[in-house]
């Protein structure tokens, strides 16, 4: 009897989770369906599970816009450069502070811990970026966030969990600390690096607040700032450009909602494509670094 009650309870739990998953998926289905809906078939306020009539006009309109292309290029540059620099600075610093004989090791770790407990705030950060001459530069979105205390401590714990015999063997073979880090430590850290690469890439791809504060030129806006202007501020002309409208006069007749949804899909697509390939490294990469304190 008790087993039957447990089985019924499990079915209720599974049903609830399935219903919750469907509720979370419906907004994505709606966004994709509206983005592919033909201008003549779109009815404002109506829910679409599948487009009544398919069309790529909204995507053509977005992809022919110089504003969107410039923002996409800026975001790709920020994401690739930022992710690579994040990994280089984080892994090298974390590996360095694992060395007990490193001069100033305790001081460096204390400074890292202080940044975890206390933050300077928005105004001091803005003044620092301004004094460095980075206002209206894409470097203002990359350099201030090269690493974080949490990242360093997790990576440090992971490096400390590796056997010391590996480094001893590398030194016997004539490797210095830099060569050991590059040829031995990093190849063994691929699961952790893959996990943090996705963390860094998603963070850089979704940059918004820093773009609003530091970037003044519209042609350098990250995608999230452009989306804010397009969707939240309801400025469909943000992504319009006179040359594309002149080439396709009918594009001006597109419903604003289909344009917005097409822009959303294009912004989400790169992360959705990359995520499944790195997801398997998430648990393994992060937990390996959190086993040893």
C-alpha atoms as a PDB file:
ATOM      1  CA  UNK A   1       0.000   0.000   0.000  1.00  0.00           C
ATOM      2  CA  UNK A   2       2.809   2.344   0.933  1.00  0.00           C
ATOM      3  CA  UNK A   3       4.568   1.524  -2.336  1.00  0.00           C
ATOM      4  CA  UNK A   4       1.448   2.400  -4.314  1.00  0.00           C
ATOM      5  CA  UNK A   5       1.156   5.752  -2.512  1.00  0.00           C
ATOM      6  CA  UNK A   6       4.779   6.503  -3.297  1.00  0.00           C
ATOM      7  CA  UNK A   7       4.154   5.672  -6.944  1.00  0.00           C
ATOM      8  CA  UNK A   8       1.110   7.981  -7.072  1.00  0.00           C
ATOM      9  CA  UNK A   9       3.127  10.750  -5.401  1.00  0.00           C
ATOM     10  CA  UNK A  10       5.894  10.280  -7.978  1.00  0.00           C
ATOM     11  CA  UNK A  11       3.390  10.590 -10.820  1.00  0.00           C
ATOM     12  CA  UNK A  12       2.041  13.829  -9.323  1.00  0.00           C
ATOM     13  CA  UNK A  13       5.569  15.192  -9.027  1.00  0.00           C
ATOM     14  CA  UNK A  14       6.414  14.185 -12.619  1.00  0.00           C
ATOM     15  CA  UNK A  15       3.188  15.743 -13.869  1.00  0.00           C
ATOM     16  CA  UNK A  16       3.902  18.985 -12.027  1.00  0.00           C
ATOM     17  CA  UNK A  17       7.450  19.168 -13.391  1.00  0.00           C
ATOM     18  CA  UNK A  18       6.235  18.496 -16.937  1.00  0.00           C
ATOM     19  CA  UNK A  19       3.601  21.216 -16.586  1.00  0.00           C
ATOM     20  CA  UNK A  20       6.236  23.610 -15.233  1.00  0.00           C
ATOM     21  CA  UNK A  21       8.551  22.799 -18.151  1.00  0.00           C
ATOM     22  CA  UNK A  22       5.750  23.433 -20.655  1.00  0.00           C
ATOM     23  CA  UNK A  23       4.972  26.793 -19.022  1.00  0.00           C
ATOM     24  CA  UNK A  24       8.636  27.770 -19.362  1.00  0.00           C
ATOM     25  CA  UNK A  25       8.853  26.628 -22.983  1.00  0.00           C
ATOM     26  CA  UNK A  26       5.701  28.377 -24.203  1.00  0.00           C
ATOM     27  CA  UNK A  27       7.240  31.896 -24.214  1.00  0.00           C
ATOM     28  CA  UNK A  28      10.130  30.622 -26.347  1.00  0.00           C
ATOM     29  CA  UNK A  29       7.708  28.898 -28.715  1.00  0.00           C
ATOM     30  CA  UNK A  30       5.696  32.117 -28.990  1.00  0.00           C
ATOM     31  CA  UNK A  31       8.792  34.222 -29.718  1.00  0.00           C
ATOM     32  CA  UNK A  32       9.989  31.856 -32.448  1.00  0.00           C
ATOM     33  CA  UNK A  33       6.526  31.498 -33.991  1.00  0.00           C
ATOM     34  CA  UNK A  34       5.912  35.261 -34.177  1.00  0.00           C
ATOM     35  CA  UNK A  35       9.355  35.871 -35.659  1.00  0.00           C
ATOM     36  CA  UNK A  36       8.511  33.558 -38.590  1.00  0.00           C
ATOM     37  CA  UNK A  37       4.945  34.841 -39.068  1.00  0.00           C
ATOM     38  CA  UNK A  38       4.105  36.615 -42.307  1.00  0.00           C
ATOM     39  CA  UNK A  39       3.141  40.279 -41.996  1.00  0.00           C
ATOM     40  CA  UNK A  40      -0.281  39.623 -43.514  1.00  0.00           C
ATOM     41  CA  UNK A  41      -1.014  36.734 -41.135  1.00  0.00           C
ATOM     42  CA  UNK A  42       0.078  38.399 -37.905  1.00  0.00           C
ATOM     43  CA  UNK A  43      -2.701  39.466 -35.518  1.00  0.00           C
ATOM     44  CA  UNK A  44      -1.610  41.527 -32.472  1.00  0.00           C
ATOM     45  CA  UNK A  45      -2.389  39.898 -29.124  1.00  0.00           C
ATOM     46  CA  UNK A  46      -3.018  36.446 -30.582  1.00  0.00           C
ATOM     47  CA  UNK A  47      -0.993  33.479 -29.317  1.00  0.00           C
ATOM     48  CA  UNK A  48       0.941  31.551 -31.973  1.00  0.00           C
ATOM     49  CA  UNK A  49       2.089  27.993 -31.460  1.00  0.00           C
ATOM     50  CA  UNK A  50       2.943  27.699 -35.169  1.00  0.00           C
ATOM     51  CA  UNK A  51       2.934  30.493 -37.755  1.00  0.00           C
ATOM     52  CA  UNK A  52      -0.200  30.547 -39.889  1.00  0.00           C
ATOM     53  CA  UNK A  53       1.966  31.629 -42.774  1.00  0.00           C
ATOM     54  CA  UNK A  54       5.760  31.384 -42.713  1.00  0.00           C
ATOM     55  CA  UNK A  55       7.985  34.269 -43.694  1.00  0.00           C
ATOM     56  CA  UNK A  56      11.624  35.317 -43.316  1.00  0.00           C
ATOM     57  CA  UNK A  57      10.959  38.998 -43.940  1.00  0.00           C
ATOM     58  CA  UNK A  58      11.646  40.012 -40.333  1.00  0.00           C
ATOM     59  CA  UNK A  59      15.000  38.234 -40.351  1.00  0.00           C
ATOM     60  CA  UNK A  60      15.941  39.804 -43.674  1.00  0.00           C
ATOM     61  CA  UNK A  61      15.001  43.192 -42.273  1.00  0.00           C
ATOM     62  CA  UNK A  62      17.107  42.725 -39.117  1.00  0.00           C
ATOM     63  CA  UNK A  63      20.112  41.263 -40.921  1.00  0.00           C
ATOM     64  CA  UNK A  64      20.087  44.084 -43.491  1.00  0.00           C
ATOM     65  CA  UNK A  65      20.331  46.681 -40.732  1.00  0.00           C
ATOM     66  CA  UNK A  66      23.716  48.262 -40.166  1.00  0.00           C
ATOM     67  CA  UNK A  67      22.796  48.903 -36.535  1.00  0.00           C
ATOM     68  CA  UNK A  68      22.227  45.224 -35.799  1.00  0.00           C
ATOM     69  CA  UNK A  69      25.307  44.108 -37.734  1.00  0.00           C
ATOM     70  CA  UNK A  70      27.522  46.617 -35.877  1.00  0.00           C
ATOM     71  CA  UNK A  71      26.129  45.542 -32.506  1.00  0.00           C
ATOM     72  CA  UNK A  72      26.542  41.877 -33.394  1.00  0.00           C
ATOM     73  CA  UNK A  73      30.171  42.426 -34.411  1.00  0.00           C
ATOM     74  CA  UNK A  74      30.865  44.380 -31.215  1.00  0.00           C
ATOM     75  CA  UNK A  75      29.322  41.661 -29.061  1.00  0.00           C
ATOM     76  CA  UNK A  76      31.216  38.865 -30.829  1.00  0.00           C
ATOM     77  CA  UNK A  77      34.486  40.785 -30.399  1.00  0.00           C
ATOM     78  CA  UNK A  78      33.755  41.444 -26.718  1.00  0.00           C
ATOM     79  CA  UNK A  79      32.788  37.815 -26.097  1.00  0.00           C
ATOM     80  CA  UNK A  80      35.757  36.207 -27.850  1.00  0.00           C
ATOM     81  CA  UNK A  81      38.376  38.638 -26.540  1.00  0.00           C
ATOM     82  CA  UNK A  82      36.898  38.786 -23.054  1.00  0.00           C
ATOM     83  CA  UNK A  83      36.598  35.000 -22.718  1.00  0.00           C
ATOM     84  CA  UNK A  84      40.179  34.372 -23.841  1.00  0.00           C
ATOM     85  CA  UNK A  85      41.590  37.066 -21.539  1.00  0.00           C
ATOM     86  CA  UNK A  86      39.392  35.869 -18.662  1.00  0.00           C
ATOM     87  CA  UNK A  87      40.810  32.368 -19.004  1.00  0.00           C
ATOM     88  CA  UNK A  88      44.424  33.528 -19.332  1.00  0.00           C
ATOM     89  CA  UNK A  89      44.341  35.873 -16.338  1.00  0.00           C
ATOM     90  CA  UNK A  90      42.254  33.597 -14.113  1.00  0.00           C
ATOM     91  CA  UNK A  91      44.142  30.351 -14.735  1.00  0.00           C
ATOM     92  CA  UNK A  92      47.597  31.940 -14.535  1.00  0.00           C
ATOM     93  CA  UNK A  93      46.812  33.859 -11.338  1.00  0.00           C
ATOM     94  CA  UNK A  94      45.086  30.888  -9.687  1.00  0.00           C
ATOM     95  CA  UNK A  95      47.955  28.571 -10.569  1.00  0.00           C
ATOM     96  CA  UNK A  96      50.535  31.090  -9.337  1.00  0.00           C
ATOM     97  CA  UNK A  97      49.003  31.467  -5.880  1.00  0.00           C
ATOM     98  CA  UNK A  98      49.059  27.688  -5.385  1.00  0.00           C
ATOM     99  CA  UNK A  99      52.840  27.968  -5.014  1.00  0.00           C
ATOM    100  CA  UNK A 100      53.706  28.157  -1.325  1.00  0.00           C
ATOM    101  CA  UNK A 101      57.047  29.856  -2.051  1.00  0.00           C
ATOM    102  CA  UNK A 102      55.512  32.652  -4.158  1.00  0.00           C
ATOM    103  CA  UNK A 103      56.629  36.041  -2.734  1.00  0.00           C
ATOM    104  CA  UNK A 104      53.621  37.981  -1.445  1.00  0.00           C
ATOM    105  CA  UNK A 105      51.279  35.010  -1.830  1.00  0.00           C
ATOM    106  CA  UNK A 106      49.378  35.696   1.387  1.00  0.00           C
ATOM    107  CA  UNK A 107      49.023  39.377   0.517  1.00  0.00           C
ATOM    108  CA  UNK A 108      47.669  38.556  -2.952  1.00  0.00           C
ATOM    109  CA  UNK A 109      45.117  36.106  -1.574  1.00  0.00           C
ATOM    110  CA  UNK A 110      44.036  38.668   1.026  1.00  0.00           C
ATOM    111  CA  UNK A 111      43.494  41.285  -1.672  1.00  0.00           C
ATOM    112  CA  UNK A 112      41.453  38.817  -3.708  1.00  0.00           C
ATOM    113  CA  UNK A 113      39.340  37.993  -0.660  1.00  0.00           C
ATOM    114  CA  UNK A 114      38.780  41.710   0.036  1.00  0.00           C
ATOM    115  CA  UNK A 115      37.299  42.179  -3.444  1.00  0.00           C
ATOM    116  CA  UNK A 116      34.857  39.375  -2.682  1.00  0.00           C
ATOM    117  CA  UNK A 117      33.687  41.020   0.541  1.00  0.00           C
ATOM    118  CA  UNK A 118      33.730  44.675  -0.491  1.00  0.00           C
ATOM    119  CA  UNK A 119      32.914  46.445  -3.761  1.00  0.00           C
ATOM    120  CA  UNK A 120      33.934  49.945  -4.800  1.00  0.00           C
ATOM    121  CA  UNK A 121      30.568  50.798  -6.330  1.00  0.00           C
ATOM    122  CA  UNK A 122      29.431  52.219  -9.629  1.00  0.00           C
ATOM    123  CA  UNK A 123      30.805  55.769  -9.322  1.00  0.00           C
ATOM    124  CA  UNK A 124      34.417  54.825  -8.410  1.00  0.00           C
ATOM    125  CA  UNK A 125      34.403  52.233 -11.197  1.00  0.00           C
ATOM    126  CA  UNK A 126      33.162  54.821 -13.688  1.00  0.00           C
ATOM    127  CA  UNK A 127      35.813  57.327 -12.587  1.00  0.00           C
ATOM    128  CA  UNK A 128      38.516  54.677 -12.928  1.00  0.00           C
ATOM    129  CA  UNK A 129      37.402  53.751 -16.440  1.00  0.00           C
ATOM    130  CA  UNK A 130      37.230  57.437 -17.351  1.00  0.00           C
ATOM    131  CA  UNK A 131      40.745  58.149 -16.043  1.00  0.00           C
ATOM    132  CA  UNK A 132      42.053  55.206 -18.063  1.00  0.00           C
ATOM    133  CA  UNK A 133      40.569  56.773 -21.198  1.00  0.00           C
ATOM    134  CA  UNK A 134      38.292  53.815 -21.901  1.00  0.00           C
ATOM    135  CA  UNK A 135      34.974  55.651 -22.144  1.00  0.00           C
ATOM    136  CA  UNK A 136      33.235  54.775 -25.428  1.00  0.00           C
ATOM    137  CA  UNK A 137      35.730  51.964 -25.992  1.00  0.00           C
ATOM    138  CA  UNK A 138      34.933  48.259 -26.113  1.00  0.00           C
ATOM    139  CA  UNK A 139      37.860  47.695 -23.748  1.00  0.00           C
ATOM    140  CA  UNK A 140      35.748  49.308 -21.030  1.00  0.00           C
ATOM    141  CA  UNK A 141      33.508  46.229 -21.232  1.00  0.00           C
ATOM    142  CA  UNK A 142      36.415  43.761 -21.130  1.00  0.00           C
ATOM    143  CA  UNK A 143      39.226  44.970 -18.863  1.00  0.00           C
ATOM    144  CA  UNK A 144      37.286  45.775 -15.632  1.00  0.00           C
ATOM    145  CA  UNK A 145      35.945  42.222 -15.432  1.00  0.00           C
ATOM    146  CA  UNK A 146      38.980  40.161 -16.414  1.00  0.00           C
ATOM    147  CA  UNK A 147      38.582  37.887 -13.407  1.00  0.00           C
ATOM    148  CA  UNK A 148      36.785  37.555 -10.081  1.00  0.00           C
ATOM    149  CA  UNK A 149      37.559  36.315  -6.590  1.00  0.00           C
ATOM    150  CA  UNK A 150      35.142  33.391  -6.875  1.00  0.00           C
ATOM    151  CA  UNK A 151      36.729  32.243 -10.138  1.00  0.00           C
ATOM    152  CA  UNK A 152      40.239  32.438  -8.705  1.00  0.00           C
ATOM    153  CA  UNK A 153      39.398  30.493  -5.559  1.00  0.00           C
ATOM    154  CA  UNK A 154      37.595  27.726  -7.467  1.00  0.00           C
ATOM    155  CA  UNK A 155      40.447  27.390  -9.963  1.00  0.00           C
ATOM    156  CA  UNK A 156      43.005  27.506  -7.165  1.00  0.00           C
ATOM    157  CA  UNK A 157      41.229  24.645  -5.387  1.00  0.00           C
ATOM    158  CA  UNK A 158      41.175  22.633  -8.600  1.00  0.00           C
ATOM    159  CA  UNK A 159      44.898  23.134  -9.253  1.00  0.00           C
ATOM    160  CA  UNK A 160      45.689  22.140  -5.660  1.00  0.00           C
ATOM    161  CA  UNK A 161      43.739  18.906  -6.147  1.00  0.00           C
ATOM    162  CA  UNK A 162      46.136  17.785  -8.897  1.00  0.00           C
ATOM    163  CA  UNK A 163      48.938  15.440  -7.759  1.00  0.00           C
ATOM    164  CA  UNK A 164      52.212  17.190  -6.951  1.00  0.00           C
ATOM    165  CA  UNK A 165      54.050  14.346  -8.662  1.00  0.00           C
ATOM    166  CA  UNK A 166      52.943  15.718 -12.047  1.00  0.00           C
ATOM    167  CA  UNK A 167      54.838  18.960 -11.498  1.00  0.00           C
ATOM    168  CA  UNK A 168      57.822  17.119 -10.054  1.00  0.00           C
ATOM    169  CA  UNK A 169      57.989  14.932 -13.160  1.00  0.00           C
ATOM    170  CA  UNK A 170      57.714  17.990 -15.410  1.00  0.00           C
ATOM    171  CA  UNK A 171      60.568  19.703 -13.583  1.00  0.00           C
ATOM    172  CA  UNK A 172      62.718  16.611 -13.927  1.00  0.00           C
ATOM    173  CA  UNK A 173      62.054  16.761 -17.677  1.00  0.00           C
ATOM    174  CA  UNK A 174      63.328  20.355 -17.709  1.00  0.00           C
ATOM    175  CA  UNK A 175      60.061  22.330 -17.598  1.00  0.00           C
ATOM    176  CA  UNK A 176      59.934  25.604 -15.718  1.00  0.00           C
ATOM    177  CA  UNK A 177      56.758  26.822 -13.978  1.00  0.00           C
ATOM    178  CA  UNK A 178      55.410  28.486 -17.138  1.00  0.00           C
ATOM    179  CA  UNK A 179      55.955  25.407 -19.288  1.00  0.00           C
ATOM    180  CA  UNK A 180      54.431  23.192 -16.584  1.00  0.00           C
ATOM    181  CA  UNK A 181      51.351  25.402 -16.474  1.00  0.00           C
ATOM    182  CA  UNK A 182      50.977  25.396 -20.261  1.00  0.00           C
ATOM    183  CA  UNK A 183      51.898  21.803 -21.125  1.00  0.00           C
ATOM    184  CA  UNK A 184      50.790  19.871 -18.043  1.00  0.00           C
ATOM    185  CA  UNK A 185      48.293  21.772 -15.911  1.00  0.00           C
ATOM    186  CA  UNK A 186      46.056  23.309 -18.582  1.00  0.00           C
ATOM    187  CA  UNK A 187      45.552  20.082 -20.610  1.00  0.00           C
ATOM    188  CA  UNK A 188      44.493  18.326 -17.403  1.00  0.00           C
ATOM    189  CA  UNK A 189      42.107  21.179 -16.609  1.00  0.00           C
ATOM    190  CA  UNK A 190      40.034  21.044 -19.802  1.00  0.00           C
ATOM    191  CA  UNK A 191      36.714  20.187 -18.057  1.00  0.00           C
ATOM    192  CA  UNK A 192      37.102  23.142 -15.713  1.00  0.00           C
ATOM    193  CA  UNK A 193      38.248  25.429 -18.529  1.00  0.00           C
ATOM    194  CA  UNK A 194      35.280  24.399 -20.686  1.00  0.00           C
ATOM    195  CA  UNK A 195      32.859  25.130 -17.842  1.00  0.00           C
ATOM    196  CA  UNK A 196      34.343  28.533 -17.086  1.00  0.00           C
ATOM    197  CA  UNK A 197      34.595  29.355 -20.790  1.00  0.00           C
ATOM    198  CA  UNK A 198      30.838  29.076 -21.026  1.00  0.00           C
ATOM    199  CA  UNK A 199      30.384  31.098 -17.828  1.00  0.00           C
ATOM    200  CA  UNK A 200      32.623  33.850 -19.199  1.00  0.00           C
ATOM    201  CA  UNK A 201      31.128  33.754 -22.706  1.00  0.00           C
ATOM    202  CA  UNK A 202      27.530  33.990 -21.480  1.00  0.00           C
ATOM    203  CA  UNK A 203      28.450  36.846 -19.158  1.00  0.00           C
ATOM    204  CA  UNK A 204      30.191  38.770 -21.933  1.00  0.00           C
ATOM    205  CA  UNK A 205      27.415  38.059 -24.439  1.00  0.00           C
ATOM    206  CA  UNK A 206      24.757  39.375 -22.045  1.00  0.00           C
ATOM    207  CA  UNK A 207      26.600  42.564 -21.076  1.00  0.00           C
ATOM    208  CA  UNK A 208      24.082  45.353 -20.720  1.00  0.00           C
ATOM    209  CA  UNK A 209      24.586  47.706 -17.786  1.00  0.00           C
ATOM    210  CA  UNK A 210      28.268  48.344 -18.532  1.00  0.00           C
ATOM    211  CA  UNK A 211      27.361  49.051 -22.160  1.00  0.00           C
ATOM    212  CA  UNK A 212      24.806  51.640 -21.099  1.00  0.00           C
ATOM    213  CA  UNK A 213      27.295  53.388 -18.795  1.00  0.00           C
ATOM    214  CA  UNK A 214      30.511  53.282 -20.805  1.00  0.00           C
ATOM    215  CA  UNK A 215      29.472  53.161 -24.480  1.00  0.00           C
ATOM    216  CA  UNK A 216      28.177  56.405 -25.958  1.00  0.00           C
ATOM    217  CA  UNK A 217      28.309  55.677 -29.688  1.00  0.00           C
ATOM    218  CA  UNK A 218      25.309  53.788 -31.032  1.00  0.00           C
ATOM    219  CA  UNK A 219      27.469  51.905 -33.549  1.00  0.00           C
ATOM    220  CA  UNK A 220      29.408  50.314 -30.638  1.00  0.00           C
ATOM    221  CA  UNK A 221      26.399  49.216 -28.595  1.00  0.00           C
ATOM    222  CA  UNK A 222      26.390  45.577 -27.465  1.00  0.00           C
ATOM    223  CA  UNK A 223      23.391  43.547 -28.596  1.00  0.00           C
ATOM    224  CA  UNK A 224      21.673  43.757 -25.216  1.00  0.00           C
ATOM    225  CA  UNK A 225      21.681  47.571 -25.318  1.00  0.00           C
ATOM    226  CA  UNK A 226      20.307  47.521 -28.853  1.00  0.00           C
ATOM    227  CA  UNK A 227      17.594  45.079 -27.766  1.00  0.00           C
ATOM    228  CA  UNK A 228      16.665  47.384 -24.909  1.00  0.00           C
ATOM    229  CA  UNK A 229      16.143  50.229 -27.350  1.00  0.00           C
ATOM    230  CA  UNK A 230      14.216  47.991 -29.710  1.00  0.00           C
ATOM    231  CA  UNK A 231      11.982  46.127 -27.244  1.00  0.00           C
ATOM    232  CA  UNK A 232      11.801  47.980 -23.928  1.00  0.00           C
ATOM    233  CA  UNK A 233      11.963  51.487 -25.356  1.00  0.00           C
ATOM    234  CA  UNK A 234       9.785  50.363 -28.309  1.00  0.00           C
ATOM    235  CA  UNK A 235      12.001  52.130 -30.837  1.00  0.00           C
ATOM    236  CA  UNK A 236      11.752  49.953 -33.938  1.00  0.00           C
ATOM    237  CA  UNK A 237      13.653  52.526 -35.951  1.00  0.00           C
ATOM    238  CA  UNK A 238      16.725  51.739 -33.828  1.00  0.00           C
ATOM    239  CA  UNK A 239      17.526  48.851 -36.141  1.00  0.00           C
ATOM    240  CA  UNK A 240      16.241  50.530 -39.254  1.00  0.00           C
ATOM    241  CA  UNK A 241      18.553  52.074 -41.735  1.00  0.00           C
ATOM    242  CA  UNK A 242      17.702  54.190 -44.744  1.00  0.00           C
ATOM    243  CA  UNK A 243      19.644  52.108 -47.232  1.00  0.00           C
ATOM    244  CA  UNK A 244      17.880  48.849 -46.327  1.00  0.00           C
ATOM    245  CA  UNK A 245      14.471  50.565 -46.379  1.00  0.00           C
ATOM    246  CA  UNK A 246      15.249  52.048 -49.762  1.00  0.00           C
ATOM    247  CA  UNK A 247      16.229  48.616 -51.091  1.00  0.00           C
ATOM    248  CA  UNK A 248      13.033  47.029 -49.713  1.00  0.00           C
ATOM    249  CA  UNK A 249      10.204  49.561 -49.337  1.00  0.00           C
ATOM    250  CA  UNK A 250       7.848  46.843 -48.068  1.00  0.00           C
ATOM    251  CA  UNK A 251      10.067  46.249 -45.032  1.00  0.00           C
ATOM    252  CA  UNK A 252       8.657  49.392 -43.439  1.00  0.00           C
ATOM    253  CA  UNK A 253       5.262  47.655 -43.353  1.00  0.00           C
ATOM    254  CA  UNK A 254       6.473  44.815 -41.138  1.00  0.00           C
ATOM    255  CA  UNK A 255       4.717  44.583 -37.751  1.00  0.00           C
ATOM    256  CA  UNK A 256       7.043  45.832 -34.990  1.00  0.00           C
ATOM    257  CA  UNK A 257       6.379  42.681 -32.944  1.00  0.00           C
ATOM    258  CA  UNK A 258       7.739  40.341 -35.623  1.00  0.00           C
ATOM    259  CA  UNK A 259      10.880  42.485 -35.893  1.00  0.00           C
ATOM    260  CA  UNK A 260      11.398  42.383 -32.133  1.00  0.00           C
ATOM    261  CA  UNK A 261      10.927  38.627 -31.933  1.00  0.00           C
ATOM    262  CA  UNK A 262      13.316  38.031 -34.830  1.00  0.00           C
ATOM    263  CA  UNK A 263      15.939  40.135 -33.061  1.00  0.00           C
ATOM    264  CA  UNK A 264      15.438  38.117 -29.866  1.00  0.00           C
ATOM    265  CA  UNK A 265      15.894  34.820 -31.694  1.00  0.00           C
ATOM    266  CA  UNK A 266      19.070  36.023 -33.415  1.00  0.00           C
ATOM    267  CA  UNK A 267      20.550  37.167 -30.100  1.00  0.00           C
ATOM    268  CA  UNK A 268      19.690  33.924 -28.288  1.00  0.00           C
ATOM    269  CA  UNK A 269      20.779  31.591 -31.092  1.00  0.00           C
ATOM    270  CA  UNK A 270      24.606  31.611 -30.628  1.00  0.00           C
ATOM    271  CA  UNK A 271      24.411  30.714 -26.930  1.00  0.00           C
ATOM    272  CA  UNK A 272      21.758  28.065 -27.588  1.00  0.00           C
ATOM    273  CA  UNK A 273      24.013  26.488 -30.198  1.00  0.00           C
ATOM    274  CA  UNK A 274      27.154  26.478 -28.027  1.00  0.00           C
ATOM    275  CA  UNK A 275      25.562  25.496 -24.709  1.00  0.00           C
ATOM    276  CA  UNK A 276      24.749  21.809 -25.453  1.00  0.00           C
ATOM    277  CA  UNK A 277      28.358  21.082 -26.417  1.00  0.00           C
ATOM    278  CA  UNK A 278      29.775  22.418 -23.134  1.00  0.00           C
ATOM    279  CA  UNK A 279      26.959  21.497 -20.759  1.00  0.00           C
ATOM    280  CA  UNK A 280      28.465  18.106 -19.893  1.00  0.00           C
ATOM    281  CA  UNK A 281      31.536  19.855 -18.484  1.00  0.00           C
ATOM    282  CA  UNK A 282      29.536  22.043 -16.090  1.00  0.00           C
ATOM    283  CA  UNK A 283      29.143  19.720 -13.117  1.00  0.00           C
ATOM    284  CA  UNK A 284      32.459  17.956 -13.589  1.00  0.00           C
ATOM    285  CA  UNK A 285      34.475  21.128 -14.100  1.00  0.00           C
ATOM    286  CA  UNK A 286      33.062  23.146 -11.232  1.00  0.00           C
ATOM    287  CA  UNK A 287      32.780  20.345  -8.654  1.00  0.00           C
ATOM    288  CA  UNK A 288      36.370  19.264  -9.248  1.00  0.00           C
ATOM    289  CA  UNK A 289      37.468  22.712  -8.161  1.00  0.00           C
ATOM    290  CA  UNK A 290      35.288  22.753  -5.071  1.00  0.00           C
ATOM    291  CA  UNK A 291      36.353  19.466  -3.508  1.00  0.00           C
ATOM    292  CA  UNK A 292      39.521  20.749  -1.901  1.00  0.00           C
ATOM    293  CA  UNK A 293      39.491  24.094  -0.096  1.00  0.00           C
END
